[in-house]
Amino acid sequence: MTISGFHIEETIDRETSGNLEQLLLAVVKSIRSIPAYLAETLYYAMKGAGTDDQSCGFQK
């Protein structure tokens, strides 16, 4: 789906930045596919040497 010839993600990327951009992209991804959004979030939280416990839903 496009808006003004651009996909919504492209428009968000071009028109916003920072935390607002991250929030809007997360909303779009979760609307398109909740399982894919959660899988991607967990993948990046557990990728690398350490684990981002907060993103995984763990409380300290």
N, C-alpha and C. Protein backbone atom coordinates (compact mmCIF):
# COMPACT_ATOMS: atom_id res chain seq x y z
N MET A 1 0.85 -1.17 0.00
CA MET A 1 0.00 0.00 0.00
C MET A 1 0.89 1.24 0.00
N THR A 2 0.54 2.22 -0.78
CA THR A 2 1.35 3.43 -0.85
C THR A 2 0.50 4.66 -0.55
N ILE A 3 1.17 5.66 -0.03
CA ILE A 3 0.55 6.96 0.20
C ILE A 3 1.40 7.95 -0.60
N SER A 4 0.78 8.63 -1.52
CA SER A 4 1.50 9.61 -2.35
C SER A 4 2.69 8.99 -3.07
N GLY A 5 2.55 7.73 -3.48
CA GLY A 5 3.62 7.08 -4.20
C GLY A 5 4.70 6.44 -3.34
N PHE A 6 4.58 6.55 -2.02
CA PHE A 6 5.56 5.97 -1.10
C PHE A 6 4.86 5.02 -0.14
N HIS A 7 5.58 3.96 0.26
CA HIS A 7 5.06 3.09 1.30
C HIS A 7 5.05 3.86 2.61
N ILE A 8 4.16 3.48 3.52
CA ILE A 8 4.02 4.20 4.79
C ILE A 8 5.34 4.23 5.56
N GLU A 9 6.10 3.12 5.52
CA GLU A 9 7.38 3.09 6.23
C GLU A 9 8.36 4.12 5.66
N GLU A 10 8.37 4.26 4.34
CA GLU A 10 9.24 5.24 3.70
C GLU A 10 8.85 6.66 4.11
N THR A 11 7.56 6.92 4.16
CA THR A 11 7.07 8.24 4.54
C THR A 11 7.44 8.55 5.99
N ILE A 12 7.25 7.58 6.88
CA ILE A 12 7.62 7.77 8.28
C ILE A 12 9.12 8.04 8.39
N ASP A 13 9.92 7.28 7.66
CA ASP A 13 11.37 7.43 7.70
C ASP A 13 11.80 8.81 7.20
N ARG A 14 11.15 9.31 6.17
CA ARG A 14 11.53 10.61 5.59
C ARG A 14 11.04 11.79 6.42
N GLU A 15 9.87 11.64 7.06
CA GLU A 15 9.23 12.78 7.71
C GLU A 15 9.44 12.88 9.22
N THR A 16 9.93 11.82 9.86
CA THR A 16 10.11 11.84 11.31
C THR A 16 11.51 11.35 11.67
N SER A 17 11.84 11.45 12.95
CA SER A 17 13.13 10.95 13.41
C SER A 17 13.04 10.62 14.89
N GLY A 18 14.07 9.97 15.39
CA GLY A 18 14.18 9.68 16.81
C GLY A 18 13.14 8.71 17.33
N ASN A 19 12.71 8.98 18.57
CA ASN A 19 11.76 8.09 19.23
C ASN A 19 10.41 8.04 18.53
N LEU A 20 9.97 9.17 17.97
CA LEU A 20 8.70 9.18 17.25
C LEU A 20 8.75 8.25 16.05
N GLU A 21 9.85 8.29 15.31
CA GLU A 21 10.02 7.41 14.16
C GLU A 21 9.99 5.95 14.59
N GLN A 22 10.73 5.61 15.65
CA GLN A 22 10.75 4.23 16.14
C GLN A 22 9.36 3.78 16.57
N LEU A 23 8.63 4.65 17.25
CA LEU A 23 7.28 4.32 17.70
C LEU A 23 6.35 4.05 16.52
N LEU A 24 6.34 4.95 15.55
CA LEU A 24 5.44 4.80 14.40
C LEU A 24 5.78 3.56 13.57
N LEU A 25 7.07 3.28 13.39
CA LEU A 25 7.45 2.08 12.64
C LEU A 25 7.05 0.82 13.40
N ALA A 26 7.17 0.83 14.73
CA ALA A 26 6.75 -0.32 15.53
C ALA A 26 5.24 -0.54 15.42
N VAL A 27 4.47 0.54 15.42
CA VAL A 27 3.02 0.42 15.28
C VAL A 27 2.66 -0.18 13.93
N VAL A 28 3.28 0.31 12.86
CA VAL A 28 3.00 -0.21 11.51
C VAL A 28 3.38 -1.68 11.42
N LYS A 29 4.56 -2.05 11.94
CA LYS A 29 4.99 -3.46 11.89
C LYS A 29 4.04 -4.35 12.67
N SER A 30 3.61 -3.90 13.85
CA SER A 30 2.72 -4.73 14.66
C SER A 30 1.34 -4.86 14.04
N ILE A 31 0.88 -3.84 13.36
CA ILE A 31 -0.42 -3.92 12.68
C ILE A 31 -0.36 -4.91 11.53
N ARG A 32 0.75 -4.90 10.81
CA ARG A 32 0.89 -5.81 9.66
C ARG A 32 0.99 -7.26 10.10
N SER A 33 1.74 -7.54 11.18
CA SER A 33 1.90 -8.91 11.65
C SER A 33 2.45 -8.91 13.07
N ILE A 34 1.60 -9.18 14.03
CA ILE A 34 2.04 -9.21 15.43
C ILE A 34 3.12 -10.28 15.65
N PRO A 35 2.93 -11.52 15.16
CA PRO A 35 3.99 -12.53 15.38
C PRO A 35 5.34 -12.12 14.78
N ALA A 36 5.34 -11.54 13.59
CA ALA A 36 6.59 -11.12 12.96
C ALA A 36 7.23 -9.98 13.75
N TYR A 37 6.42 -9.05 14.23
CA TYR A 37 6.94 -7.93 15.02
C TYR A 37 7.57 -8.44 16.31
N LEU A 38 6.89 -9.35 17.01
CA LEU A 38 7.42 -9.89 18.27
C LEU A 38 8.68 -10.71 18.02
N ALA A 39 8.70 -11.49 16.95
CA ALA A 39 9.88 -12.28 16.62
C ALA A 39 11.08 -11.38 16.34
N GLU A 40 10.88 -10.32 15.59
CA GLU A 40 11.97 -9.39 15.29
C GLU A 40 12.46 -8.70 16.56
N THR A 41 11.53 -8.28 17.42
CA THR A 41 11.90 -7.63 18.67
C THR A 41 12.73 -8.55 19.55
N LEU A 42 12.30 -9.81 19.69
CA LEU A 42 13.06 -10.77 20.49
C LEU A 42 14.41 -11.07 19.86
N TYR A 43 14.46 -11.18 18.55
CA TYR A 43 15.72 -11.46 17.85
C TYR A 43 16.76 -10.39 18.18
N TYR A 44 16.37 -9.12 18.03
CA TYR A 44 17.33 -8.05 18.27
C TYR A 44 17.64 -7.89 19.76
N ALA A 45 16.71 -8.24 20.64
CA ALA A 45 16.97 -8.17 22.08
C ALA A 45 17.98 -9.21 22.52
N MET A 46 17.99 -10.37 21.86
CA MET A 46 18.88 -11.46 22.27
C MET A 46 20.13 -11.58 21.40
N LYS A 47 20.22 -10.77 20.35
CA LYS A 47 21.36 -10.81 19.44
C LYS A 47 22.59 -10.23 20.14
N GLY A 48 23.74 -10.83 19.91
CA GLY A 48 24.99 -10.30 20.44
C GLY A 48 25.40 -10.94 21.75
N ALA A 49 26.38 -10.31 22.38
CA ALA A 49 26.99 -10.87 23.59
C ALA A 49 26.05 -10.83 24.79
N GLY A 50 25.31 -9.75 24.96
CA GLY A 50 24.41 -9.61 26.10
C GLY A 50 22.96 -9.72 25.68
N THR A 51 22.08 -9.73 26.66
CA THR A 51 20.65 -9.80 26.38
C THR A 51 20.00 -8.53 26.91
N ASP A 52 19.14 -7.93 26.12
CA ASP A 52 18.39 -6.76 26.56
C ASP A 52 17.17 -7.28 27.32
N ASP A 53 17.33 -7.45 28.64
CA ASP A 53 16.28 -8.05 29.46
C ASP A 53 14.96 -7.29 29.41
N GLN A 54 15.03 -5.97 29.32
CA GLN A 54 13.81 -5.17 29.29
C GLN A 54 13.00 -5.45 28.02
N SER A 55 13.66 -5.57 26.88
CA SER A 55 12.96 -5.87 25.63
C SER A 55 12.38 -7.28 25.63
N CYS A 56 13.02 -8.18 26.37
CA CYS A 56 12.52 -9.57 26.46
C CYS A 56 11.37 -9.69 27.44
N GLY A 57 11.11 -8.64 28.21
CA GLY A 57 10.02 -8.66 29.16
C GLY A 57 10.42 -9.10 30.56
N PHE A 58 11.72 -9.21 30.81
CA PHE A 58 12.20 -9.60 32.14
C PHE A 58 12.30 -8.37 33.03
N GLN A 59 11.89 -8.52 34.28
CA GLN A 59 11.99 -7.44 35.26
C GLN A 59 13.22 -7.66 36.12
N LYS A 60 13.86 -6.60 36.51
CA LYS A 60 15.04 -6.71 37.39
C LYS A 60 14.64 -6.49 38.82
